[in-house]
Amino acid sequence: EVEKSKKAVLASNRLKTTKYTALSFLPKNLFEQFHRLANVYFVFIALLNFVPAVNAFQPELALAPVLFILAVTAIKDLWEDYSRYLSDKEINHMECLVYSR
């Protein structure tokens, strides 16, 4: 019986409040950013500048502000997620009391 209890796998009580992993950051972040209608609108307008009949100015210049906003938002989200990771790490390494029968 003692051997069985030693082999029993206990559930982890670790906290994980982060949204992203290293591999999922870019796809998840772009997915979240393009759920905002304003971002979709401005990317559409910037891509419309690549059509010669409707372009107002240089197409590369139209993409610059949109890419800047997407990059700044991604960096902000990365910073917030990293802060959550550090907070989780601190909380998960705290000592606690365990009560048993």
PDB file of N, CA and C in Angstrom:
ATOM      1  N   GLU A   1       0.817  -1.197   0.000  1.00  0.00           N
ATOM      2  CA  GLU A   1       0.000   0.000   0.000  1.00  0.00           C
ATOM      3  C   GLU A   1       0.862   1.263   0.000  1.00  0.00           C
ATOM      4  N   VAL A   2       1.942   1.221   0.750  1.00  0.00           N
ATOM      5  CA  VAL A   2       2.839   2.374   0.815  1.00  0.00           C
ATOM      6  C   VAL A   2       3.485   2.601  -0.553  1.00  0.00           C
ATOM      7  N   GLU A   3       3.833   1.514  -1.232  1.00  0.00           N
ATOM      8  CA  GLU A   3       4.437   1.625  -2.559  1.00  0.00           C
ATOM      9  C   GLU A   3       3.457   2.235  -3.555  1.00  0.00           C
ATOM     10  N   LYS A   4       2.198   1.847  -3.450  1.00  0.00           N
ATOM     11  CA  LYS A   4       1.184   2.400  -4.346  1.00  0.00           C
ATOM     12  C   LYS A   4       1.020   3.896  -4.134  1.00  0.00           C
ATOM     13  N   SER A   5       1.053   4.324  -2.898  1.00  0.00           N
ATOM     14  CA  SER A   5       0.870   5.751  -2.627  1.00  0.00           C
ATOM     15  C   SER A   5       2.079   6.563  -3.089  1.00  0.00           C
ATOM     16  N   LYS A   6       3.263   5.966  -3.045  1.00  0.00           N
ATOM     17  CA  LYS A   6       4.460   6.659  -3.522  1.00  0.00           C
ATOM     18  C   LYS A   6       4.433   6.814  -5.036  1.00  0.00           C
ATOM     19  N   LYS A   7       3.867   5.825  -5.721  1.00  0.00           N
ATOM     20  CA  LYS A   7       3.827   5.852  -7.178  1.00  0.00           C
ATOM     21  C   LYS A   7       2.670   6.691  -7.719  1.00  0.00           C
ATOM     22  N   ALA A   8       1.731   7.029  -6.862  1.00  0.00           N
ATOM     23  CA  ALA A   8       0.576   7.806  -7.319  1.00  0.00           C
ATOM     24  C   ALA A   8       1.042   9.188  -7.781  1.00  0.00           C
ATOM     25  N   VAL A   9       0.552   9.575  -8.918  1.00  0.00           N
ATOM     26  CA  VAL A   9       0.922  10.880  -9.458  1.00  0.00           C
ATOM     27  C   VAL A   9      -0.023  11.926  -8.884  1.00  0.00           C
ATOM     28  N   LEU A  10       0.558  12.938  -8.278  1.00  0.00           N
ATOM     29  CA  LEU A  10      -0.238  13.988  -7.690  1.00  0.00           C
ATOM     30  C   LEU A  10      -0.417  15.114  -8.702  1.00  0.00           C
ATOM     31  N   ALA A  11      -1.538  15.747  -8.630  1.00  0.00           N
ATOM     32  CA  ALA A  11      -1.798  16.875  -9.527  1.00  0.00           C
ATOM     33  C   ALA A  11      -0.934  18.056  -9.124  1.00  0.00           C
ATOM     34  N   SER A  12      -0.492  18.784 -10.106  1.00  0.00           N
ATOM     35  CA  SER A  12       0.336  19.951  -9.844  1.00  0.00           C
ATOM     36  C   SER A  12      -0.552  21.129  -9.478  1.00  0.00           C
ATOM     37  N   ASN A  13      -0.081  21.954  -8.580  1.00  0.00           N
ATOM     38  CA  ASN A  13      -0.845  23.142  -8.230  1.00  0.00           C
ATOM     39  C   ASN A  13      -0.107  24.408  -8.667  1.00  0.00           C
ATOM     40  N   ARG A  14       0.691  24.275  -9.708  1.00  0.00           N
ATOM     41  CA  ARG A  14       1.429  25.419 -10.238  1.00  0.00           C
ATOM     42  C   ARG A  14       0.486  26.391 -10.928  1.00  0.00           C
ATOM     43  N   LEU A  15       0.805  27.669 -10.812  1.00  0.00           N
ATOM     44  CA  LEU A  15       0.052  28.711 -11.502  1.00  0.00           C
ATOM     45  C   LEU A  15       0.689  28.983 -12.854  1.00  0.00           C
ATOM     46  N   LYS A  16      -0.141  29.192 -13.838  1.00  0.00           N
ATOM     47  CA  LYS A  16       0.351  29.581 -15.164  1.00  0.00           C
ATOM     48  C   LYS A  16      -0.645  30.571 -15.740  1.00  0.00           C
ATOM     49  N   THR A  17      -0.283  31.847 -15.716  1.00  0.00           N
ATOM     50  CA  THR A  17      -1.177  32.877 -16.225  1.00  0.00           C
ATOM     51  C   THR A  17      -0.686  33.472 -17.538  1.00  0.00           C
ATOM     52  N   THR A  18       0.413  32.953 -18.066  1.00  0.00           N
ATOM     53  CA  THR A  18       0.936  33.478 -19.325  1.00  0.00           C
ATOM     54  C   THR A  18       0.075  33.020 -20.496  1.00  0.00           C
ATOM     55  N   LYS A  19       0.031  33.855 -21.542  1.00  0.00           N
ATOM     56  CA  LYS A  19      -0.743  33.539 -22.740  1.00  0.00           C
ATOM     57  C   LYS A  19       0.090  32.797 -23.767  1.00  0.00           C
ATOM     58  N   TYR A  20       1.366  33.153 -23.847  1.00  0.00           N
ATOM     59  CA  TYR A  20       2.187  32.728 -24.974  1.00  0.00           C
ATOM     60  C   TYR A  20       3.308  31.790 -24.548  1.00  0.00           C
ATOM     61  N   THR A  21       3.798  31.028 -25.527  1.00  0.00           N
ATOM     62  CA  THR A  21       5.060  30.314 -25.405  1.00  0.00           C
ATOM     63  C   THR A  21       5.985  30.903 -26.459  1.00  0.00           C
ATOM     64  N   ALA A  22       7.223  30.443 -26.485  1.00  0.00           N
ATOM     65  CA  ALA A  22       8.163  30.984 -27.466  1.00  0.00           C
ATOM     66  C   ALA A  22       7.692  30.708 -28.894  1.00  0.00           C
ATOM     67  N   LEU A  23       7.096  29.551 -29.120  1.00  0.00           N
ATOM     68  CA  LEU A  23       6.653  29.204 -30.474  1.00  0.00           C
ATOM     69  C   LEU A  23       5.300  29.805 -30.840  1.00  0.00           C
ATOM     70  N   SER A  24       4.459  30.023 -29.851  1.00  0.00           N
ATOM     71  CA  SER A  24       3.106  30.482 -30.167  1.00  0.00           C
ATOM     72  C   SER A  24       2.946  31.996 -30.111  1.00  0.00           C
ATOM     73  N   PHE A  25       4.002  32.732 -29.765  1.00  0.00           N
ATOM     74  CA  PHE A  25       3.846  34.174 -29.589  1.00  0.00           C
ATOM     75  C   PHE A  25       3.411  34.870 -30.874  1.00  0.00           C
ATOM     76  N   LEU A  26       4.147  34.686 -31.943  1.00  0.00           N
ATOM     77  CA  LEU A  26       3.850  35.414 -33.171  1.00  0.00           C
ATOM     78  C   LEU A  26       2.476  35.073 -33.748  1.00  0.00           C
ATOM     79  N   PRO A  27       2.122  33.786 -33.922  1.00  0.00           N
ATOM     80  CA  PRO A  27       0.794  33.508 -34.479  1.00  0.00           C
ATOM     81  C   PRO A  27      -0.354  33.979 -33.580  1.00  0.00           C
ATOM     82  N   LYS A  28      -0.251  33.728 -32.279  1.00  0.00           N
ATOM     83  CA  LYS A  28      -1.329  34.139 -31.374  1.00  0.00           C
ATOM     84  C   LYS A  28      -1.450  35.653 -31.303  1.00  0.00           C
ATOM     85  N   ASN A  29      -0.319  36.336 -31.265  1.00  0.00           N
ATOM     86  CA  ASN A  29      -0.352  37.785 -31.165  1.00  0.00           C
ATOM     87  C   ASN A  29      -0.932  38.408 -32.424  1.00  0.00           C
ATOM     88  N   LEU A  30      -0.528  37.935 -33.588  1.00  0.00           N
ATOM     89  CA  LEU A  30      -1.093  38.469 -34.833  1.00  0.00           C
ATOM     90  C   LEU A  30      -2.584  38.170 -34.936  1.00  0.00           C
ATOM     91  N   PHE A  31      -2.974  36.983 -34.484  1.00  0.00           N
ATOM     92  CA  PHE A  31      -4.392  36.625 -34.482  1.00  0.00           C
ATOM     93  C   PHE A  31      -5.190  37.589 -33.612  1.00  0.00           C
ATOM     94  N   GLU A  32      -4.671  37.889 -32.427  1.00  0.00           N
ATOM     95  CA  GLU A  32      -5.361  38.820 -31.522  1.00  0.00           C
ATOM     96  C   GLU A  32      -5.392  40.233 -32.093  1.00  0.00           C
ATOM     97  N   GLN A  33      -4.288  40.658 -32.707  1.00  0.00           N
ATOM     98  CA  GLN A  33      -4.240  42.021 -33.231  1.00  0.00           C
ATOM     99  C   GLN A  33      -5.163  42.199 -34.426  1.00  0.00           C
ATOM    100  N   PHE A  34      -5.323  41.166 -35.252  1.00  0.00           N
ATOM    101  CA  PHE A  34      -6.188  41.308 -36.411  1.00  0.00           C
ATOM    102  C   PHE A  34      -7.651  41.040 -36.079  1.00  0.00           C
ATOM    103  N   HIS A  35      -7.944  40.785 -34.814  1.00  0.00           N
ATOM    104  CA  HIS A  35      -9.339  40.757 -34.378  1.00  0.00           C
ATOM    105  C   HIS A  35      -9.848  42.173 -34.133  1.00  0.00           C
ATOM    106  N   ARG A  36      -8.923  43.112 -34.051  1.00  0.00           N
ATOM    107  CA  ARG A  36      -9.310  44.527 -33.932  1.00  0.00           C
ATOM    108  C   ARG A  36      -9.597  45.048 -35.335  1.00  0.00           C
ATOM    109  N   LEU A  37     -10.773  45.556 -35.519  1.00  0.00           N
ATOM    110  CA  LEU A  37     -11.212  46.001 -36.837  1.00  0.00           C
ATOM    111  C   LEU A  37     -10.345  47.129 -37.386  1.00  0.00           C
ATOM    112  N   ALA A  38      -9.853  47.994 -36.523  1.00  0.00           N
ATOM    113  CA  ALA A  38      -9.018  49.107 -36.978  1.00  0.00           C
ATOM    114  C   ALA A  38      -7.732  48.601 -37.632  1.00  0.00           C
ATOM    115  N   ASN A  39      -7.123  47.585 -37.052  1.00  0.00           N
ATOM    116  CA  ASN A  39      -5.895  47.034 -37.637  1.00  0.00           C
ATOM    117  C   ASN A  39      -6.164  46.436 -39.008  1.00  0.00           C
ATOM    118  N   VAL A  40      -7.251  45.713 -39.146  1.00  0.00           N
ATOM    119  CA  VAL A  40      -7.601  45.122 -40.441  1.00  0.00           C
ATOM    120  C   VAL A  40      -7.845  46.221 -41.463  1.00  0.00           C
ATOM    121  N   TYR A  41      -8.543  47.267 -41.062  1.00  0.00           N
ATOM    122  CA  TYR A  41      -8.843  48.385 -41.958  1.00  0.00           C
ATOM    123  C   TYR A  41      -7.557  49.051 -42.465  1.00  0.00           C
ATOM    124  N   PHE A  42      -6.636  49.366 -41.558  1.00  0.00           N
ATOM    125  CA  PHE A  42      -5.420  50.067 -41.968  1.00  0.00           C
ATOM    126  C   PHE A  42      -4.497  49.183 -42.800  1.00  0.00           C
ATOM    127  N   VAL A  43      -4.462  47.888 -42.532  1.00  0.00           N
ATOM    128  CA  VAL A  43      -3.682  46.988 -43.383  1.00  0.00           C
ATOM    129  C   VAL A  43      -4.310  46.913 -44.770  1.00  0.00           C
ATOM    130  N   PHE A  44      -5.626  46.882 -44.839  1.00  0.00           N
ATOM    131  CA  PHE A  44      -6.317  46.868 -46.128  1.00  0.00           C
ATOM    132  C   PHE A  44      -6.004  48.137 -46.925  1.00  0.00           C
ATOM    133  N   ILE A  45      -6.045  49.284 -46.273  1.00  0.00           N
ATOM    134  CA  ILE A  45      -5.735  50.555 -46.941  1.00  0.00           C
ATOM    135  C   ILE A  45      -4.281  50.566 -47.415  1.00  0.00           C
ATOM    136  N   ALA A  46      -3.382  50.057 -46.582  1.00  0.00           N
ATOM    137  CA  ALA A  46      -1.971  50.024 -46.970  1.00  0.00           C
ATOM    138  C   ALA A  46      -1.753  49.085 -48.148  1.00  0.00           C
ATOM    139  N   LEU A  47      -2.432  47.946 -48.152  1.00  0.00           N
ATOM    140  CA  LEU A  47      -2.293  47.007 -49.270  1.00  0.00           C
ATOM    141  C   LEU A  47      -2.945  47.554 -50.538  1.00  0.00           C
ATOM    142  N   LEU A  48      -3.961  48.362 -50.379  1.00  0.00           N
ATOM    143  CA  LEU A  48      -4.616  48.980 -51.532  1.00  0.00           C
ATOM    144  C   LEU A  48      -3.669  49.936 -52.261  1.00  0.00           C
ATOM    145  N   ASN A  49      -2.703  50.485 -51.549  1.00  0.00           N
ATOM    146  CA  ASN A  49      -1.710  51.362 -52.172  1.00  0.00           C
ATOM    147  C   ASN A  49      -0.781  50.621 -53.121  1.00  0.00           C
ATOM    148  N   PHE A  50      -0.744  49.306 -53.064  1.00  0.00           N
ATOM    149  CA  PHE A  50       0.086  48.535 -53.987  1.00  0.00           C
ATOM    150  C   PHE A  50      -0.592  48.363 -55.347  1.00  0.00           C
ATOM    151  N   VAL A  51      -1.882  48.699 -55.442  1.00  0.00           N
ATOM    152  CA  VAL A  51      -2.595  48.654 -56.720  1.00  0.00           C
ATOM    153  C   VAL A  51      -2.291  49.965 -57.447  1.00  0.00           C
ATOM    154  N   PRO A  52      -1.686  49.886 -58.643  1.00  0.00           N
ATOM    155  CA  PRO A  52      -1.254  51.120 -59.320  1.00  0.00           C
ATOM    156  C   PRO A  52      -2.388  52.101 -59.628  1.00  0.00           C
ATOM    157  N   ALA A  53      -3.584  51.635 -59.879  1.00  0.00           N
ATOM    158  CA  ALA A  53      -4.677  52.538 -60.250  1.00  0.00           C
ATOM    159  C   ALA A  53      -5.179  53.380 -59.075  1.00  0.00           C
ATOM    160  N   VAL A  54      -5.002  52.905 -57.848  1.00  0.00           N
ATOM    161  CA  VAL A  54      -5.543  53.607 -56.687  1.00  0.00           C
ATOM    162  C   VAL A  54      -4.499  54.109 -55.706  1.00  0.00           C
ATOM    163  N   ASN A  55      -3.233  53.893 -55.983  1.00  0.00           N
ATOM    164  CA  ASN A  55      -2.245  54.294 -54.979  1.00  0.00           C
ATOM    165  C   ASN A  55      -2.163  55.811 -54.877  1.00  0.00           C
ATOM    166  N   ALA A  56      -2.065  56.293 -53.651  1.00  0.00           N
ATOM    167  CA  ALA A  56      -2.008  57.732 -53.396  1.00  0.00           C
ATOM    168  C   ALA A  56      -0.560  58.194 -53.265  1.00  0.00           C
ATOM    169  N   PHE A  57       0.274  57.351 -52.712  1.00  0.00           N
ATOM    170  CA  PHE A  57       1.690  57.658 -52.531  1.00  0.00           C
ATOM    171  C   PHE A  57       2.457  56.350 -52.528  1.00  0.00           C
ATOM    172  N   GLN A  58       3.703  56.386 -52.168  1.00  0.00           N
ATOM    173  CA  GLN A  58       4.532  55.181 -52.222  1.00  0.00           C
ATOM    174  C   GLN A  58       3.949  54.093 -51.316  1.00  0.00           C
ATOM    175  N   PRO A  59       3.794  52.881 -51.861  1.00  0.00           N
ATOM    176  CA  PRO A  59       3.187  51.798 -51.074  1.00  0.00           C
ATOM    177  C   PRO A  59       3.961  51.447 -49.805  1.00  0.00           C
ATOM    178  N   GLU A  60       5.289  51.559 -49.867  1.00  0.00           N
ATOM    179  CA  GLU A  60       6.100  51.221 -48.688  1.00  0.00           C
ATOM    180  C   GLU A  60       5.824  52.198 -47.543  1.00  0.00           C
ATOM    181  N   LEU A  61       5.572  53.443 -47.876  1.00  0.00           N
ATOM    182  CA  LEU A  61       5.278  54.434 -46.844  1.00  0.00           C
ATOM    183  C   LEU A  61       3.936  54.166 -46.171  1.00  0.00           C
ATOM    184  N   ALA A  62       3.015  53.588 -46.889  1.00  0.00           N
ATOM    185  CA  ALA A  62       1.704  53.289 -46.310  1.00  0.00           C
ATOM    186  C   ALA A  62       1.794  52.155 -45.296  1.00  0.00           C
ATOM    187  N   LEU A  63       2.722  51.234 -45.517  1.00  0.00           N
ATOM    188  CA  LEU A  63       2.869  50.103 -44.593  1.00  0.00           C
ATOM    189  C   LEU A  63       3.623  50.468 -43.319  1.00  0.00           C
ATOM    190  N   ALA A  64       4.457  51.483 -43.371  1.00  0.00           N
ATOM    191  CA  ALA A  64       5.310  51.822 -42.228  1.00  0.00           C
ATOM    192  C   ALA A  64       4.521  52.097 -40.943  1.00  0.00           C
ATOM    193  N   PRO A  65       3.498  52.966 -40.946  1.00  0.00           N
ATOM    194  CA  PRO A  65       2.781  53.218 -39.680  1.00  0.00           C
ATOM    195  C   PRO A  65       2.049  51.981 -39.154  1.00  0.00           C
ATOM    196  N   VAL A  66       1.484  51.198 -40.056  1.00  0.00           N
ATOM    197  CA  VAL A  66       0.761  49.995 -39.634  1.00  0.00           C
ATOM    198  C   VAL A  66       1.724  48.998 -38.990  1.00  0.00           C
ATOM    199  N   LEU A  67       2.858  48.775 -39.635  1.00  0.00           N
ATOM    200  CA  LEU A  67       3.850  47.849 -39.082  1.00  0.00           C
ATOM    201  C   LEU A  67       4.408  48.360 -37.760  1.00  0.00           C
ATOM    202  N   PHE A  68       4.568  49.674 -37.647  1.00  0.00           N
ATOM    203  CA  PHE A  68       5.049  50.256 -36.397  1.00  0.00           C
ATOM    204  C   PHE A  68       4.064  49.997 -35.260  1.00  0.00           C
ATOM    205  N   ILE A  69       2.787  50.224 -35.504  1.00  0.00           N
ATOM    206  CA  ILE A  69       1.761  49.998 -34.474  1.00  0.00           C
ATOM    207  C   ILE A  69       1.699  48.525 -34.097  1.00  0.00           C
ATOM    208  N   LEU A  70       1.742  47.635 -35.087  1.00  0.00           N
ATOM    209  CA  LEU A  70       1.718  46.192 -34.797  1.00  0.00           C
ATOM    210  C   LEU A  70       2.934  45.782 -33.982  1.00  0.00           C
ATOM    211  N   ALA A  71       4.109  46.332 -34.313  1.00  0.00           N
ATOM    212  CA  ALA A  71       5.331  45.982 -33.586  1.00  0.00           C
ATOM    213  C   ALA A  71       5.293  46.501 -32.151  1.00  0.00           C
ATOM    214  N   VAL A  72       4.855  47.727 -31.961  1.00  0.00           N
ATOM    215  CA  VAL A  72       4.794  48.294 -30.607  1.00  0.00           C
ATOM    216  C   VAL A  72       3.800  47.514 -29.742  1.00  0.00           C
ATOM    217  N   THR A  73       2.666  47.157 -30.316  1.00  0.00           N
ATOM    218  CA  THR A  73       1.681  46.375 -29.569  1.00  0.00           C
ATOM    219  C   THR A  73       2.225  44.992 -29.229  1.00  0.00           C
ATOM    220  N   ALA A  74       2.939  44.380 -30.158  1.00  0.00           N
ATOM    221  CA  ALA A  74       3.532  43.058 -29.897  1.00  0.00           C
ATOM    222  C   ALA A  74       4.576  43.139 -28.793  1.00  0.00           C
ATOM    223  N   ILE A  75       5.402  44.183 -28.806  1.00  0.00           N
ATOM    224  CA  ILE A  75       6.416  44.347 -27.758  1.00  0.00           C
ATOM    225  C   ILE A  75       5.747  44.567 -26.402  1.00  0.00           C
ATOM    226  N   LYS A  76       4.677  45.362 -26.373  1.00  0.00           N
ATOM    227  CA  LYS A  76       3.937  45.594 -25.124  1.00  0.00           C
ATOM    228  C   LYS A  76       3.346  44.282 -24.592  1.00  0.00           C
ATOM    229  N   ASP A  77       2.745  43.486 -25.491  1.00  0.00           N
ATOM    230  CA  ASP A  77       2.168  42.200 -25.083  1.00  0.00           C
ATOM    231  C   ASP A  77       3.249  41.241 -24.591  1.00  0.00           C
ATOM    232  N   LEU A  78       4.404  41.254 -25.245  1.00  0.00           N
ATOM    233  CA  LEU A  78       5.518  40.403 -24.824  1.00  0.00           C
ATOM    234  C   LEU A  78       6.006  40.804 -23.438  1.00  0.00           C
ATOM    235  N   TRP A  79       6.117  42.101 -23.189  1.00  0.00           N
ATOM    236  CA  TRP A  79       6.554  42.592 -21.880  1.00  0.00           C
ATOM    237  C   TRP A  79       5.560  42.199 -20.784  1.00  0.00           C
ATOM    238  N   GLU A  80       4.268  42.360 -21.057  1.00  0.00           N
ATOM    239  CA  GLU A  80       3.249  41.991 -20.073  1.00  0.00           C
ATOM    240  C   GLU A  80       3.270  40.497 -19.785  1.00  0.00           C
ATOM    241  N   ASP A  81       3.442  39.691 -20.825  1.00  0.00           N
ATOM    242  CA  ASP A  81       3.475  38.249 -20.641  1.00  0.00           C
ATOM    243  C   ASP A  81       4.725  37.826 -19.868  1.00  0.00           C
ATOM    244  N   TYR A  82       5.835  38.487 -20.131  1.00  0.00           N
ATOM    245  CA  TYR A  82       7.070  38.172 -19.400  1.00  0.00           C
ATOM    246  C   TYR A  82       6.916  38.546 -17.927  1.00  0.00           C
ATOM    247  N   SER A  83       6.246  39.656 -17.653  1.00  0.00           N
ATOM    248  CA  SER A  83       5.996  40.047 -16.260  1.00  0.00           C
ATOM    249  C   SER A  83       5.114  39.018 -15.560  1.00  0.00           C
ATOM    250  N   ARG A  84       4.104  38.512 -16.275  1.00  0.00           N
ATOM    251  CA  ARG A  84       3.258  37.445 -15.708  1.00  0.00           C
ATOM    252  C   ARG A  84       4.088  36.200 -15.435  1.00  0.00           C
ATOM    253  N   TYR A  85       4.993  35.865 -16.348  1.00  0.00           N
ATOM    254  CA  TYR A  85       5.856  34.691 -16.175  1.00  0.00           C
ATOM    255  C   TYR A  85       6.707  34.835 -14.915  1.00  0.00           C
ATOM    256  N   LEU A  86       7.310  36.017 -14.720  1.00  0.00           N
ATOM    257  CA  LEU A  86       8.139  36.225 -13.525  1.00  0.00           C
ATOM    258  C   LEU A  86       7.303  36.144 -12.253  1.00  0.00           C
ATOM    259  N   SER A  87       6.097  36.698 -12.288  1.00  0.00           N
ATOM    260  CA  SER A  87       5.213  36.636 -11.133  1.00  0.00           C
ATOM    261  C   SER A  87       4.814  35.186 -10.826  1.00  0.00           C
ATOM    262  N   ASP A  88       4.492  34.426 -11.871  1.00  0.00           N
ATOM    263  CA  ASP A  88       4.150  33.012 -11.685  1.00  0.00           C
ATOM    264  C   ASP A  88       5.318  32.242 -11.092  1.00  0.00           C
ATOM    265  N   LYS A  89       6.508  32.528 -11.594  1.00  0.00           N
ATOM    266  CA  LYS A  89       7.706  31.832 -11.114  1.00  0.00           C
ATOM    267  C   LYS A  89       7.933  32.126  -9.633  1.00  0.00           C
ATOM    268  N   GLU A  90       7.737  33.373  -9.236  1.00  0.00           N
ATOM    269  CA  GLU A  90       7.909  33.758  -7.836  1.00  0.00           C
ATOM    270  C   GLU A  90       6.878  33.059  -6.949  1.00  0.00           C
ATOM    271  N   ILE A  91       5.629  33.057  -7.379  1.00  0.00           N
ATOM    272  CA  ILE A  91       4.568  32.439  -6.585  1.00  0.00           C
ATOM    273  C   ILE A  91       4.742  30.917  -6.514  1.00  0.00           C
ATOM    274  N   ASN A  92       5.146  30.294  -7.618  1.00  0.00           N
ATOM    275  CA  ASN A  92       5.298  28.843  -7.636  1.00  0.00           C
ATOM    276  C   ASN A  92       6.484  28.353  -6.809  1.00  0.00           C
ATOM    277  N   HIS A  93       7.415  29.230  -6.484  1.00  0.00           N
ATOM    278  CA  HIS A  93       8.564  28.824  -5.678  1.00  0.00           C
ATOM    279  C   HIS A  93       8.446  29.246  -4.212  1.00  0.00           C
ATOM    280  N   MET A  94       7.280  29.735  -3.823  1.00  0.00           N
ATOM    281  CA  MET A  94       7.067  30.083  -2.419  1.00  0.00           C
ATOM    282  C   MET A  94       6.875  28.822  -1.586  1.00  0.00           C
ATOM    283  N   GLU A  95       7.309  28.903  -0.347  1.00  0.00           N
ATOM    284  CA  GLU A  95       7.083  27.771   0.543  1.00  0.00           C
ATOM    285  C   GLU A  95       5.643  27.790   1.022  1.00  0.00           C
ATOM    286  N   CYS A  96       5.134  26.600   1.258  1.00  0.00           N
ATOM    287  CA  CYS A  96       3.762  26.515   1.750  1.00  0.00           C
ATOM    288  C   CYS A  96       3.653  25.358   2.735  1.00  0.00           C
ATOM    289  N   LEU A  97       2.619  25.390   3.519  1.00  0.00           N
ATOM    290  CA  LEU A  97       2.373  24.315   4.468  1.00  0.00           C
ATOM    291  C   LEU A  97       1.491  23.260   3.810  1.00  0.00           C
ATOM    292  N   VAL A  98       1.818  22.008   4.056  1.00  0.00           N
ATOM    293  CA  VAL A  98       1.025  20.909   3.506  1.00  0.00           C
ATOM    294  C   VAL A  98       0.435  20.147   4.687  1.00  0.00           C
ATOM    295  N   TYR A  99      -0.845  20.005   4.673  1.00  0.00           N
ATOM    296  CA  TYR A  99      -1.535  19.269   5.737  1.00  0.00           C
ATOM    297  C   TYR A  99      -1.825  17.862   5.267  1.00  0.00           C
ATOM    298  N   SER A 100      -1.537  16.918   6.101  1.00  0.00           N
ATOM    299  CA  SER A 100      -1.866  15.527   5.780  1.00  0.00           C
ATOM    300  C   SER A 100      -2.562  14.903   6.976  1.00  0.00           C
ATOM    301  N   ARG A 101      -3.151  13.769   6.727  1.00  0.00           N
ATOM    302  CA  ARG A 101      -3.925  13.124   7.797  1.00  0.00           C
ATOM    303  C   ARG A 101      -3.048  12.528   8.859  1.00  0.00           C
TER     304      ARG A 101
END
